[in-house]
C-alpha atoms as a PDB file:
ATOM      1  CA  MET A   1     -23.021  10.431  21.124  1.00  0.00           C
ATOM      2  CA  PHE A   2     -22.186  11.410  17.680  1.00  0.00           C
ATOM      3  CA  ASP A   3     -21.710   8.505  15.644  1.00  0.00           C
ATOM      4  CA  PHE A   4     -17.780   8.751  14.884  1.00  0.00           C
ATOM      5  CA  GLU A   5     -17.417   8.347  18.745  1.00  0.00           C
ATOM      6  CA  LYS A   6     -18.793   4.505  18.322  1.00  0.00           C
ATOM      7  CA  LEU A   7     -16.250   3.836  15.566  1.00  0.00           C
ATOM      8  CA  GLU A   8     -13.462   2.241  17.152  1.00  0.00           C
ATOM      9  CA  VAL A   9     -10.670   3.452  14.246  1.00  0.00           C
ATOM     10  CA  TYR A  10     -11.858   7.195  15.516  1.00  0.00           C
ATOM     11  CA  ASN A  11     -11.313   6.098  19.416  1.00  0.00           C
ATOM     12  CA  GLU A  12      -7.612   4.292  18.215  1.00  0.00           C
ATOM     13  CA  ALA A  13      -6.850   7.686  16.333  1.00  0.00           C
ATOM     14  CA  ARG A  14      -7.840   9.668  19.679  1.00  0.00           C
ATOM     15  CA  ALA A  15      -5.713   7.281  21.821  1.00  0.00           C
ATOM     16  CA  LEU A  16      -2.837   8.233  19.450  1.00  0.00           C
ATOM     17  CA  ASN A  17      -3.459  11.587  19.416  1.00  0.00           C
ATOM     18  CA  ARG A  18      -2.800  12.099  22.818  1.00  0.00           C
ATOM     19  CA  LYS A  19       0.634   9.912  22.606  1.00  0.00           C
ATOM     20  CA  VAL A  20       1.711  12.360  19.865  1.00  0.00           C
ATOM     21  CA  PHE A  21       0.693  15.128  22.060  1.00  0.00           C
ATOM     22  CA  LYS A  22       2.248  13.933  25.568  1.00  0.00           C
ATOM     23  CA  ASP A  23       4.815  12.135  23.968  1.00  0.00           C
ATOM     24  CA  ILE A  24       6.661  14.207  21.148  1.00  0.00           C
ATOM     25  CA  ILE A  25       4.381  17.891  20.709  1.00  0.00           C
ATOM     26  CA  LEU A  26       4.515  18.815  24.533  1.00  0.00           C
ATOM     27  CA  LEU A  27       8.278  17.947  24.966  1.00  0.00           C
ATOM     28  CA  ALA A  28       9.254  20.153  21.427  1.00  0.00           C
ATOM     29  CA  LYS A  29      12.678  21.140  20.923  1.00  0.00           C
ATOM     30  CA  GLY A  30      14.130  22.039  17.892  1.00  0.00           C
ATOM     31  CA  ASP A  31      12.610  23.087  14.825  1.00  0.00           C
ATOM     32  CA  GLN A  32       8.945  24.057  15.752  1.00  0.00           C
ATOM     33  CA  TYR A  33       8.208  23.764  12.159  1.00  0.00           C
ATOM     34  CA  LEU A  34       8.222  20.049  12.059  1.00  0.00           C
ATOM     35  CA  TYR A  35       5.933  19.495  15.749  1.00  0.00           C
ATOM     36  CA  ASP A  36       3.515  22.341  13.503  1.00  0.00           C
ATOM     37  CA  GLN A  37       3.114  19.969  10.381  1.00  0.00           C
ATOM     38  CA  LEU A  38       3.285  16.823  12.906  1.00  0.00           C
ATOM     39  CA  LYS A  39       0.134  18.484  15.378  1.00  0.00           C
ATOM     40  CA  ARG A  40      -1.644  19.439  11.482  1.00  0.00           C
ATOM     41  CA  ALA A  41      -1.271  15.755  10.593  1.00  0.00           C
ATOM     42  CA  GLN A  42      -2.198  13.948  13.787  1.00  0.00           C
ATOM     43  CA  ILE A  43      -5.661  16.391  14.411  1.00  0.00           C
ATOM     44  CA  SER A  44      -6.532  15.856  10.288  1.00  0.00           C
ATOM     45  CA  ILE A  45      -6.586  12.220  11.128  1.00  0.00           C
ATOM     46  CA  LEU A  46      -9.581  12.609  13.833  1.00  0.00           C
ATOM     47  CA  LEU A  47     -10.883  15.460  11.926  1.00  0.00           C
ATOM     48  CA  ASN A  48     -11.512  13.983   8.497  1.00  0.00           C
ATOM     49  CA  ILE A  49     -12.886  10.501  10.615  1.00  0.00           C
ATOM     50  CA  SER A  50     -15.155  12.634  12.053  1.00  0.00           C
ATOM     51  CA  GLU A  51     -16.602  14.136   8.781  1.00  0.00           C
ATOM     52  CA  GLY A  52     -16.500  11.436   7.062  1.00  0.00           C
ATOM     53  CA  THR A  53     -18.546  10.121   9.425  1.00  0.00           C
ATOM     54  CA  GLY A  54     -21.050  12.984   8.955  1.00  0.00           C
ATOM     55  CA  ARG A  55     -21.311  12.287   5.513  1.00  0.00           C
ATOM     56  CA  MET A  56     -24.356  10.487   2.951  1.00  0.00           C
ATOM     57  CA  THR A  57     -22.770   8.981   0.636  1.00  0.00           C
ATOM     58  CA  LYS A  58     -20.690   5.944   0.147  1.00  0.00           C
ATOM     59  CA  PRO A  59     -18.307   8.194  -2.228  1.00  0.00           C
ATOM     60  CA  ASP A  60     -18.347  11.262   0.423  1.00  0.00           C
ATOM     61  CA  LYS A  61     -17.375   8.946   3.090  1.00  0.00           C
ATOM     62  CA  LYS A  62     -14.347   7.294   1.363  1.00  0.00           C
ATOM     63  CA  ARG A  63     -12.899  10.655   0.322  1.00  0.00           C
ATOM     64  CA  PHE A  64     -12.682  11.385   4.192  1.00  0.00           C
ATOM     65  CA  TYR A  65     -11.421   7.888   5.277  1.00  0.00           C
ATOM     66  CA  VAL A  66      -8.780   8.482   2.397  1.00  0.00           C
ATOM     67  CA  MET A  67      -8.062  11.996   3.478  1.00  0.00           C
ATOM     68  CA  ALA A  68      -7.415  10.529   7.213  1.00  0.00           C
ATOM     69  CA  ARG A  69      -5.158   7.583   5.941  1.00  0.00           C
ATOM     70  CA  SER A  70      -3.350   9.853   3.833  1.00  0.00           C
ATOM     71  CA  SER A  71      -2.427  12.274   7.448  1.00  0.00           C
ATOM     72  CA  VAL A  72      -1.653   8.713   8.979  1.00  0.00           C
ATOM     73  CA  ASN A  73       1.216   8.264   6.213  1.00  0.00           C
ATOM     74  CA  GLU A  74       2.181  11.800   6.789  1.00  0.00           C
ATOM     75  CA  VAL A  75       2.510  11.602  10.817  1.00  0.00           C
ATOM     76  CA  VAL A  76       4.792   8.427  10.148  1.00  0.00           C
ATOM     77  CA  SER A  77       7.187  10.247   8.082  1.00  0.00           C
ATOM     78  CA  LEU A  78       7.120  12.860   9.901  1.00  0.00           C
ATOM     79  CA  LEU A  79       8.325  10.761  13.019  1.00  0.00           C
ATOM     80  CA  GLN A  80      10.688   8.819  10.528  1.00  0.00           C
ATOM     81  CA  VAL A  81      12.180  12.521  10.433  1.00  0.00           C
ATOM     82  CA  LEU A  82      12.383  13.685  14.547  1.00  0.00           C
ATOM     83  CA  LEU A  83      13.680  10.161  15.069  1.00  0.00           C
ATOM     84  CA  ASP A  84      16.641  11.079  12.436  1.00  0.00           C
ATOM     85  CA  LEU A  85      17.344  13.815  13.852  1.00  0.00           C
ATOM     86  CA  GLY A  86      17.543  12.283  17.249  1.00  0.00           C
ATOM     87  CA  LEU A  87      14.496  14.735  18.387  1.00  0.00           C
ATOM     88  CA  VAL A  88      12.749  11.362  19.585  1.00  0.00           C
ATOM     89  CA  THR A  89      13.669   8.136  21.255  1.00  0.00           C
ATOM     90  CA  GLN A  90      13.254   5.017  19.453  1.00  0.00           C
ATOM     91  CA  ALA A  91      11.012   3.368  21.393  1.00  0.00           C
ATOM     92  CA  VAL A  92       8.312   6.281  21.334  1.00  0.00           C
ATOM     93  CA  TYR A  93       8.630   6.341  17.358  1.00  0.00           C
ATOM     94  CA  ASP A  94       7.722   2.336  17.294  1.00  0.00           C
ATOM     95  CA  ASP A  95       5.196   2.788  19.976  1.00  0.00           C
ATOM     96  CA  ILE A  96       3.853   5.689  17.844  1.00  0.00           C
ATOM     97  CA  TYR A  97       4.707   3.843  14.716  1.00  0.00           C
ATOM     98  CA  VAL A  98       2.425   0.531  15.629  1.00  0.00           C
ATOM     99  CA  GLN A  99      -0.645   2.132  16.469  1.00  0.00           C
ATOM    100  CA  ALA A 100      -0.394   4.242  13.238  1.00  0.00           C
ATOM    101  CA  GLU A 101      -0.093   1.206  11.048  1.00  0.00           C
ATOM    102  CA  LYS A 102      -3.293  -0.471  13.105  1.00  0.00           C
ATOM    103  CA  ILE A 103      -4.888   2.860  12.443  1.00  0.00           C
ATOM    104  CA  SER A 104      -4.101   3.045   8.441  1.00  0.00           C
ATOM    105  CA  LYS A 105      -5.020  -0.735   8.048  1.00  0.00           C
ATOM    106  CA  MET A 106      -8.704   0.028   9.617  1.00  0.00           C
ATOM    107  CA  LEU A 107      -9.105   3.094   7.693  1.00  0.00           C
ATOM    108  CA  LEU A 108      -8.299   0.709   4.576  1.00  0.00           C
ATOM    109  CA  GLY A 109     -10.712  -1.867   5.587  1.00  0.00           C
ATOM    110  CA  MET A 110     -13.551   1.216   5.670  1.00  0.00           C
ATOM    111  CA  VAL A 111     -11.974   2.510   2.209  1.00  0.00           C
ATOM    112  CA  ARG A 112     -12.501  -0.655   0.977  1.00  0.00           C
ATOM    113  CA  SER A 113     -15.981  -1.618   2.039  1.00  0.00           C
ATOM    114  CA  MET A 114     -17.356   1.589   0.355  1.00  0.00           C
ATOM    115  CA  THR A 115     -15.900   0.914  -2.908  1.00  0.00           C
ATOM    116  CA  THR A 116     -18.504  -0.702  -5.049  1.00  0.00           C
ATOM    117  CA  THR A 117     -18.168  -3.417  -7.778  1.00  0.00           C
ATOM    118  CA  ILE A 118     -19.885  -3.141 -10.836  1.00  0.00           C
END
């Protein structure tokens, strides 16, 4: 088993990935650009968590966890666009939003734990 697979935040992000693909991307209608951006941002969360876990120094790990958190923000922003355009339901939006917020907080905790104080 790889180290990143043991992280709760990775498994939460993986669950979110399944949900986003199942509830939104695989049912895509309308502007494909938005769905492509959502797909890239969502996958970026997983990839940055796994890549950060493989890094050896705290600053290097932290950089990837910050990027993962930024991708969570991008997913939420794209969800808001899709909601505003009527391309996702409020229920789907709310469900994904809550999970994204949890992942964001978990990543923030990881980032803060790697901040060195003098």
